[in-house]
C-alpha atoms as a PDB file:
ATOM      1  CA  UNK A   1      40.411  15.608  59.593  1.00  0.00           C
ATOM      2  CA  UNK A   2      38.811  16.884  56.426  1.00  0.00           C
ATOM      3  CA  UNK A   3      35.930  19.326  56.754  1.00  0.00           C
ATOM      4  CA  UNK A   4      33.430  18.586  54.028  1.00  0.00           C
ATOM      5  CA  UNK A   5      30.308  20.656  53.432  1.00  0.00           C
ATOM      6  CA  UNK A   6      27.065  18.675  53.482  1.00  0.00           C
ATOM      7  CA  UNK A   7      26.713  19.613  49.810  1.00  0.00           C
ATOM      8  CA  UNK A   8      29.740  17.390  49.111  1.00  0.00           C
ATOM      9  CA  UNK A   9      27.764  14.409  50.394  1.00  0.00           C
ATOM     10  CA  UNK A  10      25.033  14.851  47.797  1.00  0.00           C
ATOM     11  CA  UNK A  11      27.070  16.242  44.899  1.00  0.00           C
ATOM     12  CA  UNK A  12      30.257  14.209  45.253  1.00  0.00           C
ATOM     13  CA  UNK A  13      30.475  11.275  47.678  1.00  0.00           C
ATOM     14  CA  UNK A  14      27.120   9.582  47.024  1.00  0.00           C
ATOM     15  CA  UNK A  15      27.400   9.882  43.203  1.00  0.00           C
ATOM     16  CA  UNK A  16      31.018   8.703  43.418  1.00  0.00           C
ATOM     17  CA  UNK A  17      29.925   5.713  45.525  1.00  0.00           C
ATOM     18  CA  UNK A  18      27.217   4.745  43.042  1.00  0.00           C
ATOM     19  CA  UNK A  19      29.614   5.155  40.117  1.00  0.00           C
ATOM     20  CA  UNK A  20      32.325   3.143  41.902  1.00  0.00           C
ATOM     21  CA  UNK A  21      29.955   0.231  42.544  1.00  0.00           C
ATOM     22  CA  UNK A  22      28.699   0.463  38.937  1.00  0.00           C
ATOM     23  CA  UNK A  23      32.270   0.322  37.627  1.00  0.00           C
ATOM     24  CA  UNK A  24      32.904  -2.772  39.764  1.00  0.00           C
ATOM     25  CA  UNK A  25      29.895  -4.377  38.067  1.00  0.00           C
ATOM     26  CA  UNK A  26      31.232  -3.356  34.652  1.00  0.00           C
ATOM     27  CA  UNK A  27      34.687  -4.754  35.446  1.00  0.00           C
ATOM     28  CA  UNK A  28      33.117  -8.036  36.541  1.00  0.00           C
ATOM     29  CA  UNK A  29      30.836  -8.003  33.472  1.00  0.00           C
ATOM     30  CA  UNK A  30      27.739  -8.278  35.647  1.00  0.00           C
ATOM     31  CA  UNK A  31      24.394  -6.774  34.651  1.00  0.00           C
ATOM     32  CA  UNK A  32      23.598  -3.535  36.466  1.00  0.00           C
ATOM     33  CA  UNK A  33      20.920  -3.830  39.162  1.00  0.00           C
ATOM     34  CA  UNK A  34      19.048  -1.630  41.637  1.00  0.00           C
ATOM     35  CA  UNK A  35      21.205  -2.763  44.561  1.00  0.00           C
ATOM     36  CA  UNK A  36      24.021  -0.679  43.088  1.00  0.00           C
ATOM     37  CA  UNK A  37      22.270   2.499  44.267  1.00  0.00           C
ATOM     38  CA  UNK A  38      21.817   1.116  47.783  1.00  0.00           C
ATOM     39  CA  UNK A  39      25.441   0.017  48.117  1.00  0.00           C
ATOM     40  CA  UNK A  40      26.700   3.199  46.436  1.00  0.00           C
ATOM     41  CA  UNK A  41      24.583   5.447  48.644  1.00  0.00           C
ATOM     42  CA  UNK A  42      25.771   3.684  51.791  1.00  0.00           C
ATOM     43  CA  UNK A  43      29.336   3.899  50.521  1.00  0.00           C
ATOM     44  CA  UNK A  44      28.944   7.637  49.905  1.00  0.00           C
ATOM     45  CA  UNK A  45      27.633   8.230  53.418  1.00  0.00           C
ATOM     46  CA  UNK A  46      30.374   6.061  54.947  1.00  0.00           C
ATOM     47  CA  UNK A  47      33.026   7.900  52.918  1.00  0.00           C
ATOM     48  CA  UNK A  48      31.688  11.265  54.066  1.00  0.00           C
ATOM     49  CA  UNK A  49      31.749  10.186  57.725  1.00  0.00           C
ATOM     50  CA  UNK A  50      35.192   8.537  57.519  1.00  0.00           C
ATOM     51  CA  UNK A  51      36.726  11.653  55.969  1.00  0.00           C
ATOM     52  CA  UNK A  52      35.576  13.589  59.043  1.00  0.00           C
ATOM     53  CA  UNK A  53      37.669  11.370  61.363  1.00  0.00           C
ATOM     54  CA  UNK A  54      40.975  12.849  62.566  1.00  0.00           C
ATOM     55  CA  UNK A  55      43.125  10.164  60.917  1.00  0.00           C
ATOM     56  CA  UNK A  56      45.713  10.210  58.146  1.00  0.00           C
ATOM     57  CA  UNK A  57      44.479  10.215  54.568  1.00  0.00           C
ATOM     58  CA  UNK A  58      45.954   6.804  53.675  1.00  0.00           C
ATOM     59  CA  UNK A  59      44.047   5.240  56.563  1.00  0.00           C
ATOM     60  CA  UNK A  60      40.847   6.751  55.142  1.00  0.00           C
ATOM     61  CA  UNK A  61      41.436   4.958  51.851  1.00  0.00           C
ATOM     62  CA  UNK A  62      42.029   1.600  53.521  1.00  0.00           C
ATOM     63  CA  UNK A  63      38.863   1.941  55.618  1.00  0.00           C
ATOM     64  CA  UNK A  64      36.821   2.958  52.586  1.00  0.00           C
ATOM     65  CA  UNK A  65      38.236   0.044  50.569  1.00  0.00           C
ATOM     66  CA  UNK A  66      37.233  -2.371  53.346  1.00  0.00           C
ATOM     67  CA  UNK A  67      33.719  -0.893  53.368  1.00  0.00           C
ATOM     68  CA  UNK A  68      33.457  -1.190  49.568  1.00  0.00           C
ATOM     69  CA  UNK A  69      34.456  -4.850  49.717  1.00  0.00           C
ATOM     70  CA  UNK A  70      32.031  -5.503  52.581  1.00  0.00           C
ATOM     71  CA  UNK A  71      29.115  -3.807  50.783  1.00  0.00           C
ATOM     72  CA  UNK A  72      29.833  -5.597  47.507  1.00  0.00           C
ATOM     73  CA  UNK A  73      29.982  -8.930  49.295  1.00  0.00           C
ATOM     74  CA  UNK A  74      26.987  -8.536  51.629  1.00  0.00           C
ATOM     75  CA  UNK A  75      24.543  -6.328  49.709  1.00  0.00           C
ATOM     76  CA  UNK A  76      25.440  -7.139  46.117  1.00  0.00           C
ATOM     77  CA  UNK A  77      26.399 -10.783  46.789  1.00  0.00           C
ATOM     78  CA  UNK A  78      29.658 -10.548  44.864  1.00  0.00           C
ATOM     79  CA  UNK A  79      32.245 -13.219  45.655  1.00  0.00           C
ATOM     80  CA  UNK A  80      34.770 -11.914  48.207  1.00  0.00           C
ATOM     81  CA  UNK A  81      37.865 -12.347  46.027  1.00  0.00           C
ATOM     82  CA  UNK A  82      36.176 -10.791  43.004  1.00  0.00           C
ATOM     83  CA  UNK A  83      35.023  -7.893  45.203  1.00  0.00           C
ATOM     84  CA  UNK A  84      38.581  -7.333  46.450  1.00  0.00           C
ATOM     85  CA  UNK A  85      40.106  -7.429  42.973  1.00  0.00           C
ATOM     86  CA  UNK A  86      37.470  -5.266  41.282  1.00  0.00           C
ATOM     87  CA  UNK A  87      37.488  -2.756  44.166  1.00  0.00           C
ATOM     88  CA  UNK A  88      41.242  -2.297  43.966  1.00  0.00           C
ATOM     89  CA  UNK A  89      41.062  -1.872  40.186  1.00  0.00           C
ATOM     90  CA  UNK A  90      38.231   0.657  40.610  1.00  0.00           C
ATOM     91  CA  UNK A  91      40.225   2.628  43.181  1.00  0.00           C
ATOM     92  CA  UNK A  92      43.199   2.718  40.823  1.00  0.00           C
ATOM     93  CA  UNK A  93      40.907   3.959  38.038  1.00  0.00           C
ATOM     94  CA  UNK A  94      39.574   6.720  40.322  1.00  0.00           C
ATOM     95  CA  UNK A  95      43.128   7.844  41.096  1.00  0.00           C
ATOM     96  CA  UNK A  96      43.990   7.868  37.385  1.00  0.00           C
ATOM     97  CA  UNK A  97      40.837   9.820  36.444  1.00  0.00           C
ATOM     98  CA  UNK A  98      41.312  12.387  39.198  1.00  0.00           C
ATOM     99  CA  UNK A  99      44.997  12.779  38.328  1.00  0.00           C
ATOM    100  CA  UNK A 100      44.160  13.391  34.675  1.00  0.00           C
ATOM    101  CA  UNK A 101      41.576  16.047  35.508  1.00  0.00           C
ATOM    102  CA  UNK A 102      43.802  17.789  38.076  1.00  0.00           C
ATOM    103  CA  UNK A 103      46.703  17.885  35.609  1.00  0.00           C
ATOM    104  CA  UNK A 104      44.328  19.315  32.986  1.00  0.00           C
ATOM    105  CA  UNK A 105      42.994  21.979  35.353  1.00  0.00           C
ATOM    106  CA  UNK A 106      46.424  23.041  36.625  1.00  0.00           C
ATOM    107  CA  UNK A 107      48.509  22.839  33.438  1.00  0.00           C
ATOM    108  CA  UNK A 108      45.965  23.669  30.726  1.00  0.00           C
ATOM    109  CA  UNK A 109      43.383  25.891  32.437  1.00  0.00           C
ATOM    110  CA  UNK A 110      45.717  27.410  35.031  1.00  0.00           C
ATOM    111  CA  UNK A 111      43.439  26.714  38.005  1.00  0.00           C
ATOM    112  CA  UNK A 112      45.349  26.594  41.282  1.00  0.00           C
ATOM    113  CA  UNK A 113      45.658  23.315  43.160  1.00  0.00           C
ATOM    114  CA  UNK A 114      44.296  25.020  46.279  1.00  0.00           C
ATOM    115  CA  UNK A 115      41.081  25.963  44.466  1.00  0.00           C
ATOM    116  CA  UNK A 116      40.687  22.400  43.194  1.00  0.00           C
ATOM    117  CA  UNK A 117      41.188  20.809  46.613  1.00  0.00           C
ATOM    118  CA  UNK A 118      39.556  23.335  48.985  1.00  0.00           C
ATOM    119  CA  UNK A 119      36.183  21.510  49.230  1.00  0.00           C
ATOM    120  CA  UNK A 120      34.132  24.511  48.109  1.00  0.00           C
ATOM    121  CA  UNK A 121      31.241  24.227  45.675  1.00  0.00           C
ATOM    122  CA  UNK A 122      33.552  25.040  42.772  1.00  0.00           C
ATOM    123  CA  UNK A 123      36.001  22.296  43.772  1.00  0.00           C
ATOM    124  CA  UNK A 124      33.127  19.814  44.098  1.00  0.00           C
ATOM    125  CA  UNK A 125      31.928  20.738  40.604  1.00  0.00           C
ATOM    126  CA  UNK A 126      35.492  20.520  39.256  1.00  0.00           C
ATOM    127  CA  UNK A 127      35.503  16.898  40.411  1.00  0.00           C
ATOM    128  CA  UNK A 128      32.571  15.928  38.194  1.00  0.00           C
ATOM    129  CA  UNK A 129      34.568  15.396  34.977  1.00  0.00           C
ATOM    130  CA  UNK A 130      36.702  12.758  36.703  1.00  0.00           C
ATOM    131  CA  UNK A 131      33.509  10.856  37.542  1.00  0.00           C
ATOM    132  CA  UNK A 132      32.341  11.109  33.928  1.00  0.00           C
ATOM    133  CA  UNK A 133      35.733   9.844  32.790  1.00  0.00           C
ATOM    134  CA  UNK A 134      35.424   6.930  35.236  1.00  0.00           C
ATOM    135  CA  UNK A 135      31.999   6.050  33.792  1.00  0.00           C
ATOM    136  CA  UNK A 136      33.444   6.149  30.253  1.00  0.00           C
ATOM    137  CA  UNK A 137      36.279   3.831  31.262  1.00  0.00           C
ATOM    138  CA  UNK A 138      33.823   1.444  32.930  1.00  0.00           C
ATOM    139  CA  UNK A 139      31.559   1.361  29.868  1.00  0.00           C
ATOM    140  CA  UNK A 140      34.602   0.803  27.638  1.00  0.00           C
ATOM    141  CA  UNK A 141      35.770  -2.105  29.806  1.00  0.00           C
ATOM    142  CA  UNK A 142      32.301  -3.673  29.748  1.00  0.00           C
ATOM    143  CA  UNK A 143      32.011  -3.193  25.974  1.00  0.00           C
ATOM    144  CA  UNK A 144      35.426  -4.751  25.361  1.00  0.00           C
ATOM    145  CA  UNK A 145      34.560  -7.732  27.561  1.00  0.00           C
ATOM    146  CA  UNK A 146      31.261  -8.246  25.721  1.00  0.00           C
ATOM    147  CA  UNK A 147      33.020  -7.887  22.363  1.00  0.00           C
ATOM    148  CA  UNK A 148      35.574 -10.535  23.360  1.00  0.00           C
ATOM    149  CA  UNK A 149      32.703 -12.852  24.287  1.00  0.00           C
ATOM    150  CA  UNK A 150      31.173 -12.350  20.854  1.00  0.00           C
ATOM    151  CA  UNK A 151      28.271 -10.217  22.065  1.00  0.00           C
ATOM    152  CA  UNK A 152      28.408  -6.724  20.625  1.00  0.00           C
ATOM    153  CA  UNK A 153      27.154  -4.127  23.121  1.00  0.00           C
END
């Protein structure tokens, strides 16, 4: 069970949910729409609640992935197979972005792993650059897809 402060819900999990759904849209080369905020907000709340359950961390990820796919399919009306594929790719991108920022913090800035992962306000704020990196990757993917289609972004 992971104890998260309520601040983490508003500063980390809801923004991460909205960004994750946005990146799925960018991967699928779909125009961004208002329903992204609804699905992302619900995803953030679900993620916050699931992380409070006394279950192993890998199980959390599987449950959250299922919820992402469900929300994308039901709220955003994305084809099931596209939702599965884009969700898995987005999760992999999140892992890559968070790994890059953690390596930077530990090896370059000398911040301890415990401080990064302790769920305090500082650790929540230290997670923001990984979300910005995820947005940059999503925008790059969308731009490259548009460029390949002959439409410059």
